[in-house]
N, C-alpha and C. Protein backbone atom coordinates (compact mmCIF):
# COMPACT_ATOMS: atom_id res chain seq x y z
N MET A 1 117.89 102.64 135.64
CA MET A 1 117.66 102.75 134.23
C MET A 1 118.39 103.99 133.70
N GLN A 2 119.21 103.80 132.70
CA GLN A 2 120.02 104.88 132.13
C GLN A 2 119.49 105.26 130.75
N PHE A 3 119.35 106.54 130.50
CA PHE A 3 118.89 107.02 129.20
C PHE A 3 120.00 107.79 128.51
N LEU A 4 120.06 107.63 127.20
CA LEU A 4 121.06 108.29 126.38
C LEU A 4 120.40 109.39 125.55
N SER A 5 121.14 110.45 125.29
CA SER A 5 120.63 111.49 124.40
C SER A 5 120.66 110.98 122.96
N ALA A 6 119.86 111.59 122.11
CA ALA A 6 119.76 111.14 120.72
C ALA A 6 121.12 111.05 120.02
N PRO A 7 122.00 112.06 120.14
CA PRO A 7 123.30 111.95 119.45
C PRO A 7 124.17 110.80 119.96
N GLU A 8 123.92 110.35 121.18
CA GLU A 8 124.72 109.26 121.74
C GLU A 8 124.37 107.89 121.18
N TYR A 9 123.14 107.71 120.69
CA TYR A 9 122.75 106.37 120.28
C TYR A 9 122.09 106.30 118.89
N GLN A 10 121.46 107.36 118.44
CA GLN A 10 120.70 107.27 117.19
C GLN A 10 121.54 106.97 115.95
N PRO A 11 122.72 107.57 115.77
CA PRO A 11 123.50 107.23 114.57
C PRO A 11 123.80 105.73 114.45
N ASN A 12 124.14 105.10 115.56
CA ASN A 12 124.40 103.66 115.56
C ASN A 12 123.13 102.87 115.26
N CYS A 13 122.02 103.27 115.84
CA CYS A 13 120.75 102.57 115.60
C CYS A 13 120.32 102.67 114.14
N ILE A 14 120.55 103.81 113.53
CA ILE A 14 120.19 103.99 112.13
C ILE A 14 121.00 103.03 111.25
N LEU A 15 122.29 102.93 111.51
CA LEU A 15 123.13 101.99 110.75
C LEU A 15 122.71 100.55 110.99
N LEU A 16 122.45 100.22 112.23
CA LEU A 16 122.03 98.86 112.58
C LEU A 16 120.68 98.53 111.93
N PHE A 17 119.77 99.50 111.91
CA PHE A 17 118.47 99.29 111.27
C PHE A 17 118.66 98.96 109.78
N GLU A 18 119.47 99.72 109.09
CA GLU A 18 119.67 99.48 107.65
C GLU A 18 120.26 98.10 107.41
N ASP A 19 121.18 97.69 108.25
CA ASP A 19 121.78 96.35 108.12
C ASP A 19 120.73 95.26 108.32
N TYR A 20 119.96 95.39 109.38
CA TYR A 20 118.91 94.39 109.65
C TYR A 20 117.82 94.43 108.59
N LYS A 21 117.45 95.62 108.14
CA LYS A 21 116.41 95.73 107.12
C LYS A 21 116.79 94.92 105.88
N ASN A 22 118.03 95.04 105.45
CA ASN A 22 118.48 94.28 104.28
C ASN A 22 118.40 92.78 104.52
N LYS A 23 118.82 92.34 105.69
CA LYS A 23 118.77 90.91 106.01
C LYS A 23 117.32 90.41 106.10
N ILE A 24 116.46 91.21 106.71
CA ILE A 24 115.06 90.83 106.87
C ILE A 24 114.37 90.77 105.51
N GLN A 25 114.66 91.73 104.63
CA GLN A 25 114.05 91.74 103.30
C GLN A 25 114.44 90.50 102.50
N GLN A 26 115.65 90.03 102.69
CA GLN A 26 116.08 88.83 101.98
C GLN A 26 115.27 87.61 102.41
N LEU A 27 114.96 87.53 103.70
CA LEU A 27 114.20 86.40 104.23
C LEU A 27 112.69 86.54 104.01
N THR A 28 112.21 87.79 104.05
CA THR A 28 110.76 88.04 103.99
C THR A 28 110.48 89.18 103.01
N PRO A 29 110.62 88.95 101.72
CA PRO A 29 110.44 90.03 100.74
C PRO A 29 109.03 90.62 100.72
N TYR A 30 108.07 89.95 101.29
CA TYR A 30 106.67 90.39 101.33
C TYR A 30 106.40 91.32 102.52
N ALA A 31 107.35 91.48 103.42
CA ALA A 31 107.13 92.23 104.66
C ALA A 31 107.32 93.74 104.46
N ILE A 32 106.58 94.49 105.27
CA ILE A 32 106.81 95.94 105.39
C ILE A 32 107.71 96.11 106.60
N ILE A 33 108.84 96.77 106.43
CA ILE A 33 109.84 96.89 107.49
C ILE A 33 110.04 98.37 107.79
N GLU A 34 109.83 98.74 109.04
CA GLU A 34 109.92 100.14 109.47
C GLU A 34 110.75 100.27 110.74
N HIS A 35 111.44 101.37 110.85
CA HIS A 35 112.19 101.73 112.06
C HIS A 35 111.20 102.38 113.02
N ILE A 36 111.05 101.82 114.21
CA ILE A 36 110.13 102.37 115.21
C ILE A 36 110.88 102.57 116.53
N GLY A 37 110.16 102.98 117.53
CA GLY A 37 110.77 103.19 118.84
C GLY A 37 111.47 104.53 118.92
N SER A 38 112.07 104.80 120.04
CA SER A 38 112.71 106.10 120.28
C SER A 38 113.82 106.40 119.29
N SER A 39 114.53 105.39 118.85
CA SER A 39 115.64 105.64 117.93
C SER A 39 115.16 106.13 116.57
N ALA A 40 113.86 106.02 116.29
CA ALA A 40 113.28 106.49 115.04
C ALA A 40 112.65 107.89 115.18
N ILE A 41 112.77 108.47 116.37
CA ILE A 41 112.13 109.75 116.67
C ILE A 41 113.21 110.79 116.97
N PRO A 42 113.33 111.82 116.14
CA PRO A 42 114.35 112.84 116.38
C PRO A 42 114.29 113.41 117.80
N ASN A 43 115.45 113.49 118.42
CA ASN A 43 115.66 114.08 119.75
C ASN A 43 115.09 113.28 120.91
N ALA A 44 114.63 112.06 120.67
CA ALA A 44 114.10 111.24 121.76
C ALA A 44 115.25 110.57 122.52
N ILE A 45 115.17 110.61 123.84
CA ILE A 45 116.14 109.89 124.64
C ILE A 45 115.73 108.42 124.68
N SER A 46 116.69 107.57 125.02
CA SER A 46 116.42 106.13 124.96
C SER A 46 117.43 105.37 125.79
N LYS A 47 117.13 104.11 126.01
CA LYS A 47 118.10 103.19 126.61
C LYS A 47 119.15 102.81 125.59
N GLY A 48 118.91 103.16 124.33
CA GLY A 48 119.88 102.91 123.27
C GLY A 48 119.57 101.69 122.43
N ASP A 49 118.39 101.12 122.62
CA ASP A 49 118.03 99.92 121.86
C ASP A 49 117.36 100.28 120.53
N LEU A 50 117.23 99.29 119.67
CA LEU A 50 116.63 99.45 118.36
C LEU A 50 115.38 98.58 118.26
N ASP A 51 114.28 99.17 117.80
CA ASP A 51 113.04 98.43 117.56
C ASP A 51 112.72 98.48 116.08
N ILE A 52 112.38 97.31 115.54
CA ILE A 52 112.04 97.19 114.12
C ILE A 52 110.65 96.59 114.00
N TYR A 53 109.83 97.24 113.21
CA TYR A 53 108.45 96.84 112.94
C TYR A 53 108.45 96.03 111.65
N ILE A 54 107.83 94.85 111.70
CA ILE A 54 107.74 93.99 110.53
C ILE A 54 106.29 93.58 110.38
N GLU A 55 105.66 94.13 109.33
CA GLU A 55 104.24 93.86 109.10
C GLU A 55 104.10 92.81 108.00
N VAL A 56 103.28 91.80 108.28
CA VAL A 56 103.10 90.70 107.34
C VAL A 56 101.63 90.29 107.27
N PRO A 57 101.22 89.68 106.16
CA PRO A 57 99.86 89.15 106.09
C PRO A 57 99.67 88.04 107.12
N ALA A 58 98.43 87.90 107.59
CA ALA A 58 98.12 86.91 108.64
C ALA A 58 98.61 85.51 108.28
N GLN A 59 98.46 85.12 107.02
CA GLN A 59 98.84 83.76 106.63
C GLN A 59 100.35 83.55 106.63
N ARG A 60 101.12 84.63 106.74
CA ARG A 60 102.59 84.52 106.77
C ARG A 60 103.18 84.73 108.17
N PHE A 61 102.32 85.00 109.15
CA PHE A 61 102.77 85.38 110.50
C PHE A 61 103.69 84.33 111.13
N ILE A 62 103.24 83.11 111.24
CA ILE A 62 104.02 82.05 111.91
C ILE A 62 105.30 81.76 111.13
N ASP A 63 105.20 81.67 109.82
CA ASP A 63 106.39 81.42 108.99
C ASP A 63 107.42 82.53 109.15
N THR A 64 106.95 83.77 109.21
CA THR A 64 107.86 84.91 109.36
C THR A 64 108.62 84.81 110.68
N ILE A 65 107.93 84.49 111.74
CA ILE A 65 108.59 84.34 113.06
C ILE A 65 109.70 83.30 112.96
N GLN A 66 109.40 82.17 112.36
CA GLN A 66 110.40 81.10 112.23
C GLN A 66 111.56 81.53 111.34
N GLN A 67 111.28 82.23 110.25
CA GLN A 67 112.34 82.67 109.35
C GLN A 67 113.27 83.67 110.03
N LEU A 68 112.70 84.60 110.78
CA LEU A 68 113.51 85.64 111.41
C LEU A 68 114.39 85.10 112.54
N GLN A 69 114.02 83.97 113.09
CA GLN A 69 114.87 83.36 114.13
C GLN A 69 116.22 82.93 113.54
N GLN A 70 116.29 82.78 112.22
CA GLN A 70 117.56 82.45 111.55
C GLN A 70 118.59 83.57 111.72
N LEU A 71 118.11 84.79 112.00
CA LEU A 71 119.00 85.94 112.19
C LEU A 71 119.45 86.07 113.65
N HIS A 72 119.36 84.99 114.40
CA HIS A 72 119.78 84.93 115.80
C HIS A 72 118.87 85.74 116.72
N PHE A 73 117.56 85.53 116.52
CA PHE A 73 116.55 86.11 117.38
C PHE A 73 115.78 84.99 118.07
N LYS A 74 115.26 85.31 119.25
CA LYS A 74 114.40 84.36 119.95
C LYS A 74 113.15 85.11 120.41
N GLU A 75 112.09 84.35 120.61
CA GLU A 75 110.84 84.96 121.05
C GLU A 75 110.99 85.48 122.47
N LYS A 76 110.55 86.72 122.69
CA LYS A 76 110.59 87.30 124.03
C LYS A 76 109.35 86.83 124.77
N LEU A 77 109.54 86.22 125.91
CA LEU A 77 108.44 85.57 126.62
C LEU A 77 107.73 86.45 127.63
N ASP A 78 108.38 87.50 128.12
CA ASP A 78 107.77 88.32 129.18
C ASP A 78 107.10 89.58 128.62
N THR A 79 106.49 89.43 127.46
CA THR A 79 105.80 90.56 126.83
C THR A 79 104.54 90.07 126.13
N LEU A 80 103.71 90.99 125.72
CA LEU A 80 102.45 90.63 125.07
C LEU A 80 102.71 89.80 123.80
N ARG A 81 101.99 88.68 123.69
CA ARG A 81 102.09 87.81 122.51
C ARG A 81 100.67 87.40 122.15
N THR A 82 100.28 87.68 120.90
CA THR A 82 98.96 87.29 120.42
C THR A 82 99.11 86.63 119.05
N HIS A 83 97.99 86.31 118.42
CA HIS A 83 98.03 85.76 117.06
C HIS A 83 98.30 86.85 116.03
N GLU A 84 98.46 88.12 116.49
CA GLU A 84 98.75 89.23 115.60
C GLU A 84 100.01 90.01 115.98
N LEU A 85 100.66 89.61 117.07
CA LEU A 85 101.86 90.30 117.53
C LEU A 85 102.81 89.30 118.18
N CYS A 86 104.06 89.38 117.77
CA CYS A 86 105.11 88.59 118.40
C CYS A 86 106.38 89.42 118.44
N MET A 87 107.02 89.47 119.59
CA MET A 87 108.28 90.20 119.72
C MET A 87 109.42 89.20 119.77
N LEU A 88 110.41 89.46 118.93
CA LEU A 88 111.64 88.67 118.95
C LEU A 88 112.76 89.57 119.43
N GLU A 89 113.70 89.01 120.19
CA GLU A 89 114.84 89.79 120.65
C GLU A 89 116.12 89.15 120.15
N SER A 90 117.07 89.99 119.82
CA SER A 90 118.33 89.53 119.28
C SER A 90 119.18 88.88 120.36
N LEU A 91 119.89 87.84 119.96
CA LEU A 91 120.86 87.20 120.85
C LEU A 91 122.21 87.89 120.74
N GLU A 92 122.35 88.83 119.81
CA GLU A 92 123.64 89.48 119.54
C GLU A 92 123.68 90.97 119.85
N HIS A 93 122.57 91.67 119.63
CA HIS A 93 122.52 93.13 119.81
C HIS A 93 121.30 93.48 120.65
N ASP A 94 121.21 94.76 121.02
CA ASP A 94 120.05 95.24 121.75
C ASP A 94 118.99 95.66 120.72
N VAL A 95 118.42 94.65 120.06
CA VAL A 95 117.47 94.84 118.97
C VAL A 95 116.25 93.97 119.21
N ALA A 96 115.07 94.56 118.97
CA ALA A 96 113.81 93.82 119.07
C ALA A 96 113.05 93.95 117.75
N LEU A 97 112.44 92.86 117.35
CA LEU A 97 111.59 92.84 116.17
C LEU A 97 110.14 92.70 116.64
N GLN A 98 109.28 93.57 116.15
CA GLN A 98 107.85 93.49 116.44
C GLN A 98 107.19 92.95 115.18
N ILE A 99 106.81 91.69 115.17
CA ILE A 99 106.14 91.12 114.02
C ILE A 99 104.64 91.33 114.21
N VAL A 100 104.02 92.00 113.23
CA VAL A 100 102.65 92.49 113.34
C VAL A 100 101.86 92.03 112.11
N VAL A 101 100.64 91.60 112.33
CA VAL A 101 99.76 91.21 111.23
C VAL A 101 99.13 92.47 110.62
N THR A 102 99.16 92.52 109.29
CA THR A 102 98.55 93.63 108.55
C THR A 102 97.08 93.79 108.95
N GLY A 103 96.70 95.05 109.21
CA GLY A 103 95.32 95.35 109.56
C GLY A 103 95.00 95.20 111.04
N SER A 104 95.97 94.80 111.84
CA SER A 104 95.73 94.61 113.27
C SER A 104 95.88 95.93 114.02
N ILE A 105 95.43 95.92 115.26
CA ILE A 105 95.56 97.10 116.13
C ILE A 105 97.04 97.46 116.35
N PHE A 106 97.91 96.48 116.14
CA PHE A 106 99.33 96.70 116.43
C PHE A 106 100.03 97.56 115.38
N GLU A 107 99.30 97.95 114.35
CA GLU A 107 99.84 98.96 113.43
C GLU A 107 100.02 100.29 114.17
N ASN A 108 99.50 100.35 115.41
CA ASN A 108 99.63 101.58 116.21
C ASN A 108 101.09 101.88 116.58
N PHE A 109 102.00 100.93 116.41
CA PHE A 109 103.43 101.24 116.59
C PHE A 109 103.82 102.37 115.63
N LEU A 110 103.32 102.30 114.40
CA LEU A 110 103.63 103.33 113.41
C LEU A 110 102.90 104.63 113.72
N THR A 111 101.67 104.53 114.18
CA THR A 111 100.88 105.72 114.52
C THR A 111 101.57 106.50 115.63
N PHE A 112 102.01 105.80 116.67
CA PHE A 112 102.69 106.46 117.79
C PHE A 112 103.97 107.13 117.31
N ARG A 113 104.77 106.40 116.56
CA ARG A 113 106.03 106.97 116.04
C ARG A 113 105.73 108.24 115.24
N ASP A 114 104.75 108.17 114.36
CA ASP A 114 104.45 109.30 113.49
C ASP A 114 103.93 110.50 114.27
N HIS A 115 103.12 110.28 115.30
CA HIS A 115 102.65 111.39 116.14
C HIS A 115 103.84 112.10 116.79
N LEU A 116 104.80 111.35 117.30
CA LEU A 116 105.95 111.99 117.94
C LEU A 116 106.86 112.66 116.92
N ARG A 117 107.02 112.07 115.76
CA ARG A 117 107.83 112.71 114.72
C ARG A 117 107.24 114.06 114.31
N GLN A 118 105.93 114.18 114.38
CA GLN A 118 105.26 115.41 113.96
C GLN A 118 105.10 116.43 115.08
N SER A 119 105.45 116.05 116.31
CA SER A 119 105.22 116.96 117.44
C SER A 119 106.42 117.01 118.38
N PRO A 120 107.27 118.03 118.23
CA PRO A 120 108.38 118.18 119.19
C PRO A 120 107.90 118.30 120.64
N ASP A 121 106.70 118.85 120.84
CA ASP A 121 106.16 118.97 122.20
C ASP A 121 105.93 117.58 122.81
N LEU A 122 105.40 116.64 122.00
CA LEU A 122 105.21 115.28 122.50
C LEU A 122 106.54 114.62 122.82
N VAL A 123 107.55 114.89 122.02
CA VAL A 123 108.89 114.32 122.28
C VAL A 123 109.42 114.87 123.60
N THR A 124 109.22 116.16 123.84
CA THR A 124 109.65 116.77 125.10
C THR A 124 108.94 116.11 126.28
N GLN A 125 107.63 115.87 126.14
CA GLN A 125 106.87 115.21 127.20
C GLN A 125 107.36 113.77 127.41
N TYR A 126 107.63 113.09 126.31
CA TYR A 126 108.09 111.70 126.38
C TYR A 126 109.46 111.62 127.06
N ASN A 127 110.34 112.54 126.72
CA ASN A 127 111.66 112.58 127.36
C ASN A 127 111.55 112.88 128.85
N ALA A 128 110.66 113.81 129.21
CA ALA A 128 110.46 114.14 130.63
C ALA A 128 109.93 112.94 131.38
N LEU A 129 109.00 112.21 130.77
CA LEU A 129 108.46 111.00 131.39
C LEU A 129 109.59 110.02 131.68
N LYS A 130 110.45 109.83 130.72
CA LYS A 130 111.56 108.89 130.89
C LYS A 130 112.51 109.36 132.00
N HIS A 131 112.84 110.65 131.99
CA HIS A 131 113.71 111.17 133.06
C HIS A 131 113.09 110.94 134.43
N ASN A 132 111.78 111.10 134.53
CA ASN A 132 111.08 110.91 135.81
C ASN A 132 111.04 109.44 136.23
N CYS A 133 111.32 108.54 135.31
CA CYS A 133 111.28 107.10 135.62
C CYS A 133 112.63 106.54 136.07
N LYS A 134 113.65 107.37 136.10
CA LYS A 134 114.95 106.90 136.56
C LYS A 134 114.81 106.38 137.98
N GLY A 135 115.36 105.21 138.23
CA GLY A 135 115.29 104.60 139.54
C GLY A 135 114.08 103.70 139.75
N MET A 136 113.15 103.71 138.81
CA MET A 136 111.97 102.84 138.93
C MET A 136 112.29 101.46 138.38
N SER A 137 111.45 100.52 138.74
CA SER A 137 111.59 99.17 138.19
C SER A 137 111.17 99.17 136.72
N GLN A 138 111.60 98.15 136.01
CA GLN A 138 111.24 98.00 134.60
C GLN A 138 109.71 97.94 134.44
N ASP A 139 109.04 97.24 135.36
CA ASP A 139 107.58 97.13 135.28
C ASP A 139 106.90 98.48 135.50
N GLN A 140 107.39 99.25 136.46
CA GLN A 140 106.81 100.57 136.70
C GLN A 140 107.00 101.47 135.48
N TYR A 141 108.20 101.44 134.93
CA TYR A 141 108.51 102.23 133.74
C TYR A 141 107.60 101.84 132.58
N ARG A 142 107.45 100.55 132.34
CA ARG A 142 106.61 100.08 131.23
C ARG A 142 105.17 100.54 131.39
N GLU A 143 104.66 100.51 132.63
CA GLU A 143 103.27 100.92 132.86
C GLU A 143 103.09 102.41 132.58
N ILE A 144 104.00 103.23 133.08
CA ILE A 144 103.91 104.68 132.86
C ILE A 144 104.05 105.00 131.38
N LYS A 145 105.00 104.35 130.72
CA LYS A 145 105.21 104.55 129.29
C LYS A 145 103.98 104.10 128.50
N SER A 146 103.40 102.99 128.87
CA SER A 146 102.21 102.48 128.20
C SER A 146 101.04 103.47 128.31
N ASN A 147 100.87 104.05 129.48
CA ASN A 147 99.80 105.04 129.67
C ASN A 147 100.01 106.25 128.77
N PHE A 148 101.25 106.69 128.65
CA PHE A 148 101.57 107.83 127.77
C PHE A 148 101.25 107.47 126.32
N ILE A 149 101.68 106.30 125.90
CA ILE A 149 101.44 105.85 124.53
C ILE A 149 99.94 105.82 124.24
N GLN A 150 99.16 105.28 125.17
CA GLN A 150 97.71 105.22 124.97
C GLN A 150 97.11 106.62 124.86
N GLN A 151 97.59 107.55 125.66
CA GLN A 151 97.11 108.93 125.58
C GLN A 151 97.44 109.54 124.21
N VAL A 152 98.64 109.30 123.73
CA VAL A 152 99.04 109.83 122.42
C VAL A 152 98.17 109.23 121.33
N LEU A 153 97.95 107.93 121.40
CA LEU A 153 97.14 107.26 120.38
C LEU A 153 95.69 107.77 120.39
N LYS A 154 95.22 108.18 121.56
CA LYS A 154 93.87 108.76 121.66
C LYS A 154 93.89 110.26 121.37
N GLN A 155 95.10 110.80 121.20
CA GLN A 155 95.34 112.22 120.95
C GLN A 155 94.81 113.09 122.08
N GLU A 156 95.04 112.61 123.32
CA GLU A 156 94.62 113.36 124.50
C GLU A 156 95.79 114.15 125.09
N VAL A 157 96.99 113.91 124.60
CA VAL A 157 98.16 114.58 125.18
C VAL A 157 98.27 115.98 124.59
């Protein structure tokens, strides 16, 4: 697993986010669209991918998933999928869409991002965690990262 420094990937992710945000807004004008993930956190290292948060009312959840597939996305099958969360991955870029129902626990994507944006110390810890995961399997990395995220959300870090 290779990680890039913020200057190596964030400028491109910011441009890509703005492009996708415009396209997503055209298809789903009712959605809240936010830049999440490491590329949305100053000085965070990353694999270089882009994560986009799309919050919609429960009654629009299924329709939104279908509409966004028009942008050359497919449902990611090897990740958590509920009636309040669906991840789509791009067939063209290293981009993932997190479709989230308003009022669900999955609004914590924004909470986690905001905690790290407000705490350079948490970003330093997050970067160290990632560096320590070099050479691990994707599953091991996801588990360690998930534990860190849960600690941040509980404000125990």
